[in-house]
Amino acid sequence: MRTPLTLGLPVIVAACAGVAPPVPPALPASPVPLAASPRERLARVAPVQGRQVYECAARADAASGFGWVHVASEFEDAPRLQGRHTPPGGRPSSAPLGRGPDNVQGTVMLQVAAPGLDAIPWQRIRVDATSGDAHLDELSSIHRTHTRGGLPPAVPCTAAEAGRQQRVAYSAEYEFYVAR
């Protein structure tokens, strides 16, 4: 399933600017490989710390009728990369992290379970549009890999708590690819 996604990526100028390309990290076995296209090369790997933002909301698939819904991901690799991304229908709860107007819009092309049971899925995101920094124009895809944590809260979500948000810590590597 393809999912639209918006990434706020201020201060990513160094991602594509004349730096020797890093070697892509080896991916552990997963049900579907997240390998980049042969028409892409890795421009940068950014290890990030962040928070998955969940909101208590009505859910038909939850026994109580309420459950945790993912509304955004906030992350940073200070001082070079800060961002926030939201799933379709996600309601951002705060302004994007960072201070710049740079923006990347993309579509989740592939999502696979993380190799461990304690982490949010890995993703391959096709870059559909960019604005702001000219170096962003070169981006073709972004991969989120090597995730740890970030799963929905373990505490119950009830009608009395509807609208309450919780932030859950996670870490990941974001790999930025450009066309060859």
C-alpha atoms as a PDB file:
ATOM      1  CA  MET A   1       0.000   0.000   0.000  1.00  0.00           C
ATOM      2  CA  ARG A   2       1.378   3.396  -0.917  1.00  0.00           C
ATOM      3  CA  THR A   3       0.999   6.050   1.738  1.00  0.00           C
ATOM      4  CA  PRO A   4       1.567   9.785   1.194  1.00  0.00           C
ATOM      5  CA  LEU A   5       3.988  11.305   3.677  1.00  0.00           C
ATOM      6  CA  THR A   6       5.363  14.771   4.315  1.00  0.00           C
ATOM      7  CA  LEU A   7       8.807  15.235   5.820  1.00  0.00           C
ATOM      8  CA  GLY A   8       9.970  18.566   7.219  1.00  0.00           C
ATOM      9  CA  LEU A   9      13.726  18.467   6.671  1.00  0.00           C
ATOM     10  CA  PRO A  10      15.371  21.771   7.514  1.00  0.00           C
ATOM     11  CA  VAL A  11      19.139  22.128   7.475  1.00  0.00           C
ATOM     12  CA  ILE A  12      19.916  19.158   5.224  1.00  0.00           C
ATOM     13  CA  VAL A  13      22.201  21.053   2.874  1.00  0.00           C
ATOM     14  CA  ALA A  14      25.149  18.770   3.636  1.00  0.00           C
ATOM     15  CA  ALA A  15      23.147  15.687   2.678  1.00  0.00           C
ATOM     16  CA  CYS A  16      23.739  16.067  -1.021  1.00  0.00           C
ATOM     17  CA  ALA A  17      26.584  18.567  -1.252  1.00  0.00           C
ATOM     18  CA  GLY A  18      29.882  17.271  -2.655  1.00  0.00           C
ATOM     19  CA  VAL A  19      30.707  14.914   0.212  1.00  0.00           C
ATOM     20  CA  ALA A  20      32.113  11.458  -0.566  1.00  0.00           C
ATOM     21  CA  PRO A  21      29.165   9.041  -0.604  1.00  0.00           C
ATOM     22  CA  PRO A  22      28.930   6.809   2.443  1.00  0.00           C
ATOM     23  CA  VAL A  23      28.711   3.050   2.160  1.00  0.00           C
ATOM     24  CA  PRO A  24      25.151   1.823   2.710  1.00  0.00           C
ATOM     25  CA  PRO A  25      24.819  -0.145   5.944  1.00  0.00           C
ATOM     26  CA  ALA A  26      24.237  -3.875   5.621  1.00  0.00           C
ATOM     27  CA  LEU A  27      20.577  -4.663   6.148  1.00  0.00           C
ATOM     28  CA  PRO A  28      19.630  -7.629   8.281  1.00  0.00           C
ATOM     29  CA  ALA A  29      17.338 -10.185   6.698  1.00  0.00           C
ATOM     30  CA  SER A  30      13.756  -8.956   6.421  1.00  0.00           C
ATOM     31  CA  PRO A  31      10.634 -10.301   4.683  1.00  0.00           C
ATOM     32  CA  VAL A  32      11.066  -7.836   1.798  1.00  0.00           C
ATOM     33  CA  PRO A  33      14.410  -6.208   0.977  1.00  0.00           C
ATOM     34  CA  LEU A  34      14.657  -2.439   1.275  1.00  0.00           C
ATOM     35  CA  ALA A  35      17.591  -2.181  -1.115  1.00  0.00           C
ATOM     36  CA  ALA A  36      17.887   1.022  -3.100  1.00  0.00           C
ATOM     37  CA  SER A  37      17.309   1.108  -6.821  1.00  0.00           C
ATOM     38  CA  PRO A  38      20.402   0.526  -8.989  1.00  0.00           C
ATOM     39  CA  ARG A  39      19.681   4.020 -10.353  1.00  0.00           C
ATOM     40  CA  GLU A  40      20.364   5.558  -6.929  1.00  0.00           C
ATOM     41  CA  ARG A  41      23.408   6.174  -4.781  1.00  0.00           C
ATOM     42  CA  LEU A  42      23.562   6.793  -1.065  1.00  0.00           C
ATOM     43  CA  ALA A  43      24.290  10.442  -0.260  1.00  0.00           C
ATOM     44  CA  ARG A  44      24.066  10.407   3.526  1.00  0.00           C
ATOM     45  CA  VAL A  45      23.172   8.265   6.530  1.00  0.00           C
ATOM     46  CA  ALA A  46      21.779  10.131   9.528  1.00  0.00           C
ATOM     47  CA  PRO A  47      21.387   8.349  12.862  1.00  0.00           C
ATOM     48  CA  VAL A  48      18.483  10.069  14.602  1.00  0.00           C
ATOM     49  CA  GLN A  49      16.781  10.149  17.965  1.00  0.00           C
ATOM     50  CA  GLY A  50      13.116  10.971  17.989  1.00  0.00           C
ATOM     51  CA  ARG A  51       9.615  10.483  19.237  1.00  0.00           C
ATOM     52  CA  GLN A  52       6.632   8.726  17.709  1.00  0.00           C
ATOM     53  CA  VAL A  53       3.532  10.762  18.549  1.00  0.00           C
ATOM     54  CA  TYR A  54       0.360   8.781  19.274  1.00  0.00           C
ATOM     55  CA  GLU A  55      -3.132  10.045  20.053  1.00  0.00           C
ATOM     56  CA  CYS A  56      -5.924   8.230  21.868  1.00  0.00           C
ATOM     57  CA  ALA A  57      -8.812   8.080  19.382  1.00  0.00           C
ATOM     58  CA  ALA A  58     -11.838   6.063  18.320  1.00  0.00           C
ATOM     59  CA  ARG A  59     -10.809   2.877  16.500  1.00  0.00           C
ATOM     60  CA  ALA A  60     -13.211   0.296  15.137  1.00  0.00           C
ATOM     61  CA  ASP A  61     -10.519  -2.396  15.346  1.00  0.00           C
ATOM     62  CA  ALA A  62      -9.938  -1.936  19.110  1.00  0.00           C
ATOM     63  CA  ALA A  63     -11.871  -4.007  21.650  1.00  0.00           C
ATOM     64  CA  SER A  64     -12.788  -0.916  23.694  1.00  0.00           C
ATOM     65  CA  GLY A  65     -13.547   1.147  20.598  1.00  0.00           C
ATOM     66  CA  PHE A  66     -10.520   3.329  21.346  1.00  0.00           C
ATOM     67  CA  GLY A  67      -6.825   2.864  20.658  1.00  0.00           C
ATOM     68  CA  TRP A  68      -3.544   4.640  19.966  1.00  0.00           C
ATOM     69  CA  VAL A  69      -3.273   6.217  16.494  1.00  0.00           C
ATOM     70  CA  HIS A  70       0.092   7.356  15.054  1.00  0.00           C
ATOM     71  CA  VAL A  71      -0.114  11.054  14.176  1.00  0.00           C
ATOM     72  CA  ALA A  72       3.518  12.098  13.636  1.00  0.00           C
ATOM     73  CA  SER A  73       7.212  11.304  13.967  1.00  0.00           C
ATOM     74  CA  GLU A  74       9.620  13.919  15.301  1.00  0.00           C
ATOM     75  CA  PHE A  75      13.357  13.381  14.971  1.00  0.00           C
ATOM     76  CA  GLU A  76      16.715  15.089  14.979  1.00  0.00           C
ATOM     77  CA  ASP A  77      20.383  14.550  14.264  1.00  0.00           C
ATOM     78  CA  ALA A  78      21.432  17.917  15.607  1.00  0.00           C
ATOM     79  CA  PRO A  79      22.703  20.177  14.286  1.00  0.00           C
ATOM     80  CA  ARG A  80      22.335  18.987  10.680  1.00  0.00           C
ATOM     81  CA  LEU A  81      18.953  17.318  10.396  1.00  0.00           C
ATOM     82  CA  GLN A  82      15.695  17.980  12.152  1.00  0.00           C
ATOM     83  CA  GLY A  83      12.268  17.040  10.977  1.00  0.00           C
ATOM     84  CA  ARG A  84       8.735  15.935  11.499  1.00  0.00           C
ATOM     85  CA  HIS A  85       6.670  13.700   9.297  1.00  0.00           C
ATOM     86  CA  THR A  86       3.015  12.868   9.374  1.00  0.00           C
ATOM     87  CA  PRO A  87       1.036   9.968   7.941  1.00  0.00           C
ATOM     88  CA  PRO A  88      -1.989  10.642   5.727  1.00  0.00           C
ATOM     89  CA  GLY A  89      -4.685  12.280   7.791  1.00  0.00           C
ATOM     90  CA  GLY A  90      -2.110  12.896  10.531  1.00  0.00           C
ATOM     91  CA  ARG A  91      -2.809  15.983  12.548  1.00  0.00           C
ATOM     92  CA  PRO A  92       0.469  17.676  13.464  1.00  0.00           C
ATOM     93  CA  SER A  93       0.390  18.689  17.109  1.00  0.00           C
ATOM     94  CA  SER A  94       3.198  21.239  16.881  1.00  0.00           C
ATOM     95  CA  ALA A  95       5.212  23.201  14.360  1.00  0.00           C
ATOM     96  CA  PRO A  96       7.928  21.316  12.454  1.00  0.00           C
ATOM     97  CA  LEU A  97      11.207  20.968  14.297  1.00  0.00           C
ATOM     98  CA  GLY A  98      14.030  23.174  13.111  1.00  0.00           C
ATOM     99  CA  ARG A  99      14.165  26.680  11.768  1.00  0.00           C
ATOM    100  CA  GLY A 100      14.236  26.347   7.990  1.00  0.00           C
ATOM    101  CA  PRO A 101      11.573  26.195   5.289  1.00  0.00           C
ATOM    102  CA  ASP A 102      12.992  23.081   3.593  1.00  0.00           C
ATOM    103  CA  ASN A 103      10.414  20.413   2.898  1.00  0.00           C
ATOM    104  CA  VAL A 104      10.233  16.985   1.286  1.00  0.00           C
ATOM    105  CA  GLN A 105       6.985  15.314   0.269  1.00  0.00           C
ATOM    106  CA  GLY A 106       7.032  11.609  -0.366  1.00  0.00           C
ATOM    107  CA  THR A 107       5.099   8.374  -0.613  1.00  0.00           C
ATOM    108  CA  VAL A 108       5.788   5.295   1.491  1.00  0.00           C
ATOM    109  CA  MET A 109       6.493   2.681  -1.169  1.00  0.00           C
ATOM    110  CA  LEU A 110       7.404  -0.192   1.112  1.00  0.00           C
ATOM    111  CA  GLN A 111       7.079  -0.878   4.803  1.00  0.00           C
ATOM    112  CA  VAL A 112       8.439  -4.004   6.488  1.00  0.00           C
ATOM    113  CA  ALA A 113       8.488  -5.176  10.075  1.00  0.00           C
ATOM    114  CA  ALA A 114      11.677  -4.389  11.939  1.00  0.00           C
ATOM    115  CA  PRO A 115      13.815  -7.486  12.546  1.00  0.00           C
ATOM    116  CA  GLY A 116      13.200  -7.160  16.320  1.00  0.00           C
ATOM    117  CA  LEU A 117       9.826  -7.163  18.022  1.00  0.00           C
ATOM    118  CA  ASP A 118      10.436  -3.896  19.853  1.00  0.00           C
ATOM    119  CA  ALA A 119      10.530  -1.379  17.009  1.00  0.00           C
ATOM    120  CA  ILE A 120       8.498   0.542  14.466  1.00  0.00           C
ATOM    121  CA  PRO A 121       8.664  -0.705  10.855  1.00  0.00           C
ATOM    122  CA  TRP A 122      11.382   0.101   8.344  1.00  0.00           C
ATOM    123  CA  GLN A 123      10.268   2.175   5.337  1.00  0.00           C
ATOM    124  CA  ARG A 124      11.290   3.116   1.804  1.00  0.00           C
ATOM    125  CA  ILE A 125       9.903   6.534   0.869  1.00  0.00           C
ATOM    126  CA  ARG A 126       9.884   7.820  -2.707  1.00  0.00           C
ATOM    127  CA  VAL A 127      10.558  11.569  -2.851  1.00  0.00           C
ATOM    128  CA  ASP A 128       7.749  13.200  -4.829  1.00  0.00           C
ATOM    129  CA  ALA A 129       8.471  16.912  -4.341  1.00  0.00           C
ATOM    130  CA  THR A 130      10.889  19.197  -2.532  1.00  0.00           C
ATOM    131  CA  SER A 131      10.982  22.873  -1.655  1.00  0.00           C
ATOM    132  CA  GLY A 132      13.527  25.121  -0.021  1.00  0.00           C
ATOM    133  CA  ASP A 133      17.175  24.157  -0.339  1.00  0.00           C
ATOM    134  CA  ALA A 134      18.284  23.444  -3.919  1.00  0.00           C
ATOM    135  CA  HIS A 135      20.267  20.365  -2.804  1.00  0.00           C
ATOM    136  CA  LEU A 136      16.994  18.683  -1.836  1.00  0.00           C
ATOM    137  CA  ASP A 137      16.032  18.571  -5.536  1.00  0.00           C
ATOM    138  CA  GLU A 138      18.522  15.724  -5.966  1.00  0.00           C
ATOM    139  CA  LEU A 139      16.833  13.421  -3.426  1.00  0.00           C
ATOM    140  CA  SER A 140      15.105  10.385  -4.937  1.00  0.00           C
ATOM    141  CA  SER A 141      14.283   8.290  -1.862  1.00  0.00           C
ATOM    142  CA  ILE A 142      14.672   8.138   1.895  1.00  0.00           C
ATOM    143  CA  HIS A 143      14.894   4.895   3.860  1.00  0.00           C
ATOM    144  CA  ARG A 144      14.166   4.542   7.575  1.00  0.00           C
ATOM    145  CA  THR A 145      16.078   1.524   8.906  1.00  0.00           C
ATOM    146  CA  HIS A 146      17.638   0.112  12.068  1.00  0.00           C
ATOM    147  CA  THR A 147      14.725   1.285  14.203  1.00  0.00           C
ATOM    148  CA  ARG A 148      14.533   0.778  17.958  1.00  0.00           C
ATOM    149  CA  GLY A 149      11.477   1.547  20.080  1.00  0.00           C
ATOM    150  CA  GLY A 150       8.627   3.825  19.040  1.00  0.00           C
ATOM    151  CA  LEU A 151       5.783   1.304  19.355  1.00  0.00           C
ATOM    152  CA  PRO A 152       2.347   2.512  20.544  1.00  0.00           C
ATOM    153  CA  PRO A 153       2.039   3.076  24.299  1.00  0.00           C
ATOM    154  CA  ALA A 154       1.293  -0.004  26.400  1.00  0.00           C
ATOM    155  CA  VAL A 155      -1.132   1.930  28.624  1.00  0.00           C
ATOM    156  CA  PRO A 156      -4.857   1.628  27.841  1.00  0.00           C
ATOM    157  CA  CYS A 157      -6.658   4.231  25.773  1.00  0.00           C
ATOM    158  CA  THR A 158     -10.309   4.843  26.688  1.00  0.00           C
ATOM    159  CA  ALA A 159     -13.120   7.201  25.675  1.00  0.00           C
ATOM    160  CA  ALA A 160     -12.344   9.332  28.745  1.00  0.00           C
ATOM    161  CA  GLU A 161      -8.820   9.893  27.397  1.00  0.00           C
ATOM    162  CA  ALA A 162      -9.759  10.641  23.769  1.00  0.00           C
ATOM    163  CA  GLY A 163      -7.487  13.310  22.319  1.00  0.00           C
ATOM    164  CA  ARG A 164      -4.651  12.667  24.792  1.00  0.00           C
ATOM    165  CA  GLN A 165      -1.237  12.371  23.133  1.00  0.00           C
ATOM    166  CA  GLN A 166       1.804  10.367  24.156  1.00  0.00           C
ATOM    167  CA  ARG A 167       5.324  10.567  22.744  1.00  0.00           C
ATOM    168  CA  VAL A 168       7.350   7.370  22.618  1.00  0.00           C
ATOM    169  CA  ALA A 169      11.133   7.493  22.139  1.00  0.00           C
ATOM    170  CA  TYR A 170      12.696   5.807  19.107  1.00  0.00           C
ATOM    171  CA  SER A 171      15.939   5.772  17.198  1.00  0.00           C
ATOM    172  CA  ALA A 172      16.589   4.991  13.552  1.00  0.00           C
ATOM    173  CA  GLU A 173      18.903   5.576  10.633  1.00  0.00           C
ATOM    174  CA  TYR A 174      17.575   7.691   7.789  1.00  0.00           C
ATOM    175  CA  GLU A 175      19.363   6.991   4.515  1.00  0.00           C
ATOM    176  CA  PHE A 176      19.141   9.708   1.848  1.00  0.00           C
ATOM    177  CA  TYR A 177      19.496   8.543  -1.770  1.00  0.00           C
ATOM    178  CA  VAL A 178      20.023  10.609  -4.925  1.00  0.00           C
ATOM    179  CA  ALA A 179      19.746   9.625  -8.571  1.00  0.00           C
ATOM    180  CA  ARG A 180      22.971   8.413 -10.193  1.00  0.00           C
END
